[in-house]
C-alpha atoms as a PDB file:
ATOM      1  CA  MET A   1    -123.490 136.559  -7.670  1.00  0.00           C
ATOM      2  CA  LYS A   2    -122.878 134.227  -4.751  1.00  0.00           C
ATOM      3  CA  HIS A   3    -124.004 135.020  -1.241  1.00  0.00           C
ATOM      4  CA  PHE A   4    -121.204 134.181   1.190  1.00  0.00           C
ATOM      5  CA  ASP A   5    -122.162 131.812   3.974  1.00  0.00           C
ATOM      6  CA  LEU A   6    -121.150 133.492   7.243  1.00  0.00           C
ATOM      7  CA  ARG A   7    -123.182 131.394   9.658  1.00  0.00           C
ATOM      8  CA  ALA A   8    -119.994 130.445  11.536  1.00  0.00           C
ATOM      9  CA  TRP A   9    -118.894 134.078  11.990  1.00  0.00           C
ATOM     10  CA  ARG A  10    -119.290 135.837  15.338  1.00  0.00           C
ATOM     11  CA  LYS A  11    -122.218 138.223  15.465  1.00  0.00           C
ATOM     12  CA  VAL A  12    -122.660 140.813  18.199  1.00  0.00           C
ATOM     13  CA  LEU A  13    -125.648 143.117  18.428  1.00  0.00           C
ATOM     14  CA  VAL A  14    -124.845 146.525  19.948  1.00  0.00           C
ATOM     15  CA  THR A  15    -127.975 148.198  21.278  1.00  0.00           C
ATOM     16  CA  GLY A  16    -128.839 151.042  23.583  1.00  0.00           C
ATOM     17  CA  GLU A  17    -129.235 154.790  23.537  1.00  0.00           C
ATOM     18  CA  ASP A  18    -125.477 155.435  23.293  1.00  0.00           C
ATOM     19  CA  ALA A  19    -124.568 152.558  20.927  1.00  0.00           C
ATOM     20  CA  LYS A  20    -123.569 154.475  17.788  1.00  0.00           C
ATOM     21  CA  ALA A  21    -121.770 157.340  19.564  1.00  0.00           C
ATOM     22  CA  TRP A  22    -120.014 154.852  21.861  1.00  0.00           C
ATOM     23  CA  LEU A  23    -118.738 152.856  18.875  1.00  0.00           C
ATOM     24  CA  ASP A  24    -117.720 156.058  17.056  1.00  0.00           C
ATOM     25  CA  ASP A  25    -115.397 156.793  19.991  1.00  0.00           C
ATOM     26  CA  LEU A  26    -113.864 153.298  20.087  1.00  0.00           C
ATOM     27  CA  ILE A  27    -113.505 151.880  16.591  1.00  0.00           C
ATOM     28  CA  SER A  28    -112.114 153.079  13.267  1.00  0.00           C
ATOM     29  CA  ALA A  29    -115.401 153.098  11.295  1.00  0.00           C
ATOM     30  CA  GLY A  30    -117.812 156.028  11.463  1.00  0.00           C
ATOM     31  CA  VAL A  31    -120.902 154.175  12.654  1.00  0.00           C
ATOM     32  CA  SER A  32    -123.186 157.222  12.945  1.00  0.00           C
ATOM     33  CA  ALA A  33    -122.913 157.826   9.193  1.00  0.00           C
ATOM     34  CA  LEU A  34    -124.167 154.335   8.289  1.00  0.00           C
ATOM     35  CA  GLY A  35    -127.708 153.927   7.049  1.00  0.00           C
ATOM     36  CA  GLU A  36    -129.971 150.897   7.305  1.00  0.00           C
ATOM     37  CA  GLY A  37    -128.403 147.936   5.509  1.00  0.00           C
ATOM     38  CA  GLU A  38    -125.033 149.637   5.015  1.00  0.00           C
ATOM     39  CA  SER A  39    -121.774 148.230   6.330  1.00  0.00           C
ATOM     40  CA  LEU A  40    -118.111 149.111   6.709  1.00  0.00           C
ATOM     41  CA  GLN A  41    -114.970 147.295   7.705  1.00  0.00           C
ATOM     42  CA  SER A  42    -113.584 148.451  11.016  1.00  0.00           C
ATOM     43  CA  LEU A  43    -110.672 147.960  13.385  1.00  0.00           C
ATOM     44  CA  LEU A  44    -110.293 148.059  17.140  1.00  0.00           C
ATOM     45  CA  LEU A  45    -106.801 149.367  17.838  1.00  0.00           C
ATOM     46  CA  THR A  46    -104.491 149.369  20.840  1.00  0.00           C
ATOM     47  CA  PRO A  47    -103.407 152.747  22.297  1.00  0.00           C
ATOM     48  CA  THR A  48    -100.185 152.367  20.275  1.00  0.00           C
ATOM     49  CA  GLY A  49    -102.057 151.761  17.017  1.00  0.00           C
ATOM     50  CA  ARG A  50    -101.746 147.977  16.709  1.00  0.00           C
ATOM     51  CA  ILE A  51    -104.726 145.953  15.500  1.00  0.00           C
ATOM     52  CA  ARG A  52    -106.692 144.181  18.243  1.00  0.00           C
ATOM     53  CA  ALA A  53    -109.574 143.071  16.019  1.00  0.00           C
ATOM     54  CA  HIS A  54    -110.946 143.405  12.502  1.00  0.00           C
ATOM     55  CA  PHE A  55    -114.698 143.160  11.915  1.00  0.00           C
ATOM     56  CA  HIS A  56    -117.566 144.508   9.849  1.00  0.00           C
ATOM     57  CA  VAL A  57    -120.096 146.986  11.220  1.00  0.00           C
ATOM     58  CA  ALA A  58    -123.605 146.907   9.781  1.00  0.00           C
ATOM     59  CA  VAL A  59    -126.842 148.667  10.636  1.00  0.00           C
ATOM     60  CA  HIS A  60    -129.643 146.124  10.946  1.00  0.00           C
ATOM     61  CA  ASP A  61    -133.168 147.039  12.088  1.00  0.00           C
ATOM     62  CA  GLY A  62    -131.820 150.307  13.519  1.00  0.00           C
ATOM     63  CA  ASP A  63    -129.260 148.546  15.710  1.00  0.00           C
ATOM     64  CA  VAL A  64    -125.582 147.918  15.051  1.00  0.00           C
ATOM     65  CA  LEU A  65    -124.375 144.449  14.165  1.00  0.00           C
ATOM     66  CA  LEU A  66    -120.682 143.575  14.481  1.00  0.00           C
ATOM     67  CA  VAL A  67    -119.614 140.625  12.335  1.00  0.00           C
ATOM     68  CA  GLN A  68    -116.226 139.037  13.035  1.00  0.00           C
ATOM     69  CA  ASP A  69    -114.352 136.226  11.338  1.00  0.00           C
ATOM     70  CA  PRO A  70    -114.108 133.336  13.851  1.00  0.00           C
ATOM     71  CA  VAL A  71    -110.446 132.700  13.014  1.00  0.00           C
ATOM     72  CA  GLN A  72    -109.558 135.759  15.132  1.00  0.00           C
ATOM     73  CA  PRO A  73    -108.296 134.789  18.575  1.00  0.00           C
ATOM     74  CA  LYS A  74    -110.346 137.261  20.644  1.00  0.00           C
ATOM     75  CA  PRO A  75    -114.097 137.790  20.288  1.00  0.00           C
ATOM     76  CA  ILE A  76    -115.003 141.422  19.676  1.00  0.00           C
ATOM     77  CA  GLU A  77    -117.625 141.452  22.438  1.00  0.00           C
ATOM     78  CA  LEU A  78    -114.965 140.496  25.013  1.00  0.00           C
ATOM     79  CA  LEU A  79    -112.600 143.175  23.734  1.00  0.00           C
ATOM     80  CA  LEU A  80    -115.297 145.880  23.862  1.00  0.00           C
ATOM     81  CA  ALA A  81    -116.955 144.855  27.159  1.00  0.00           C
ATOM     82  CA  PRO A  82    -114.489 146.696  29.463  1.00  0.00           C
ATOM     83  CA  TYR A  83    -115.369 149.984  27.730  1.00  0.00           C
ATOM     84  CA  VAL A  84    -119.115 149.835  28.401  1.00  0.00           C
ATOM     85  CA  LEU A  85    -118.747 151.256  31.943  1.00  0.00           C
ATOM     86  CA  SER A  86    -121.656 153.673  32.504  1.00  0.00           C
ATOM     87  CA  SER A  87    -122.614 153.986  28.827  1.00  0.00           C
ATOM     88  CA  LYS A  88    -126.136 153.023  27.844  1.00  0.00           C
ATOM     89  CA  VAL A  89    -124.933 150.159  25.662  1.00  0.00           C
ATOM     90  CA  ASP A  90    -125.603 146.430  25.601  1.00  0.00           C
ATOM     91  CA  LEU A  91    -123.496 143.829  23.789  1.00  0.00           C
ATOM     92  CA  THR A  92    -125.343 140.630  22.909  1.00  0.00           C
ATOM     93  CA  ALA A  93    -123.884 137.670  21.076  1.00  0.00           C
ATOM     94  CA  GLU A  94    -126.382 137.171  18.252  1.00  0.00           C
ATOM     95  CA  GLY A  95    -127.409 133.571  17.729  1.00  0.00           C
ATOM     96  CA  ASP A  96    -129.089 133.973  14.331  1.00  0.00           C
ATOM     97  CA  PRO A  97    -127.349 131.371  12.151  1.00  0.00           C
ATOM     98  CA  SER A  98    -128.778 132.624   8.870  1.00  0.00           C
ATOM     99  CA  LEU A  99    -126.371 135.489   8.182  1.00  0.00           C
ATOM    100  CA  PHE A 100    -124.901 135.819   4.730  1.00  0.00           C
ATOM    101  CA  ALA A 101    -122.944 138.495   2.904  1.00  0.00           C
ATOM    102  CA  VAL A 102    -123.206 139.819  -0.617  1.00  0.00           C
ATOM    103  CA  PRO A 103    -120.116 141.434  -2.166  1.00  0.00           C
ATOM    104  CA  HIS A 104    -120.513 145.108  -3.020  1.00  0.00           C
ATOM    105  CA  GLY A 105    -117.191 146.294  -4.474  1.00  0.00           C
ATOM    106  CA  ASP A 106    -114.616 145.738  -1.727  1.00  0.00           C
ATOM    107  CA  GLU A 107    -117.261 145.852   1.010  1.00  0.00           C
ATOM    108  CA  LEU A 108    -119.836 143.337   2.130  1.00  0.00           C
ATOM    109  CA  ARG A 109    -123.558 143.871   2.579  1.00  0.00           C
ATOM    110  CA  PHE A 110    -125.148 141.645   5.201  1.00  0.00           C
ATOM    111  CA  ALA A 111    -128.546 140.036   5.084  1.00  0.00           C
ATOM    112  CA  PHE A 112    -130.441 137.278   6.786  1.00  0.00           C
ATOM    113  CA  GLY A 113    -131.763 134.270   4.950  1.00  0.00           C
ATOM    114  CA  ARG A 114    -130.347 131.277   3.187  1.00  0.00           C
ATOM    115  CA  PRO A 115    -126.935 131.698   1.538  1.00  0.00           C
ATOM    116  CA  ASP A 116    -126.284 130.043  -1.808  1.00  0.00           C
ATOM    117  CA  GLY A 117    -122.499 130.030  -1.598  1.00  0.00           C
ATOM    118  CA  GLU A 118    -119.872 128.112   0.325  1.00  0.00           C
ATOM    119  CA  PRO A 119    -117.402 129.497   2.910  1.00  0.00           C
ATOM    120  CA  ALA A 120    -114.625 129.034   0.320  1.00  0.00           C
ATOM    121  CA  ASP A 121    -116.396 131.553  -1.966  1.00  0.00           C
ATOM    122  CA  PHE A 122    -115.610 134.327   0.529  1.00  0.00           C
ATOM    123  CA  GLU A 123    -111.963 133.285   0.691  1.00  0.00           C
ATOM    124  CA  ARG A 124    -111.602 133.404  -3.097  1.00  0.00           C
ATOM    125  CA  TRP A 125    -113.345 136.811  -3.258  1.00  0.00           C
ATOM    126  CA  ARG A 126    -111.139 138.440  -0.613  1.00  0.00           C
ATOM    127  CA  ILE A 127    -107.880 137.034  -2.054  1.00  0.00           C
ATOM    128  CA  LYS A 128    -108.732 138.335  -5.542  1.00  0.00           C
ATOM    129  CA  ARG A 129    -109.260 141.793  -4.024  1.00  0.00           C
ATOM    130  CA  ARG A 130    -106.153 141.563  -1.824  1.00  0.00           C
ATOM    131  CA  ILE A 131    -108.198 142.030   1.343  1.00  0.00           C
ATOM    132  CA  PRO A 132    -106.163 140.777   4.310  1.00  0.00           C
ATOM    133  CA  ARG A 133    -107.742 138.489   6.879  1.00  0.00           C
ATOM    134  CA  PHE A 134    -106.905 139.131  10.526  1.00  0.00           C
ATOM    135  CA  GLY A 135    -105.751 135.889  12.132  1.00  0.00           C
ATOM    136  CA  VAL A 136    -104.494 134.596   8.767  1.00  0.00           C
ATOM    137  CA  ASP A 137    -102.564 137.408   7.045  1.00  0.00           C
ATOM    138  CA  LEU A 138    -102.269 139.777  10.031  1.00  0.00           C
ATOM    139  CA  ASP A 139    -101.960 139.515  13.796  1.00  0.00           C
ATOM    140  CA  GLU A 140    -101.918 141.752  16.883  1.00  0.00           C
ATOM    141  CA  GLU A 141     -98.444 142.997  15.994  1.00  0.00           C
ATOM    142  CA  SER A 142     -99.692 144.433  12.683  1.00  0.00           C
ATOM    143  CA  LEU A 143    -100.283 148.120  12.036  1.00  0.00           C
ATOM    144  CA  PRO A 144    -103.302 149.306  10.000  1.00  0.00           C
ATOM    145  CA  GLN A 145    -100.938 150.721   7.359  1.00  0.00           C
ATOM    146  CA  GLU A 146     -99.613 147.193   6.826  1.00  0.00           C
ATOM    147  CA  ALA A 147    -103.156 145.865   6.463  1.00  0.00           C
ATOM    148  CA  ARG A 148    -103.887 147.846   3.302  1.00  0.00           C
END
């Protein structure tokens, strides 16, 4: 099984005492239920239910890692930053270039190390599974129901 090369994807580390509860209140995935090494797809929605961003949420070394396809027009850390306010949360763009993903059904599991696949391997995998790609198949006018 190929490991998808995601070195070009945006990576944001969410740390702090309130990180998981804060994300639970803002995004569609239930972050608090994730265990070490687990991941889920998630959305950040507008107040009217439109998609602002699509990304993966993974627990890595006890912290939360947000992984976003770079084709999306707005980085997830910029979209989430206004909501930090007085929460005990820090958003840090992660510079580790060695991120790769391993397919696990229709989800991805993230790991660090050297990938053995090409970026095109991910594209073939997601098309075969009819997984839409925000910025390619969907935009900010899309509703989650239209996304799958």
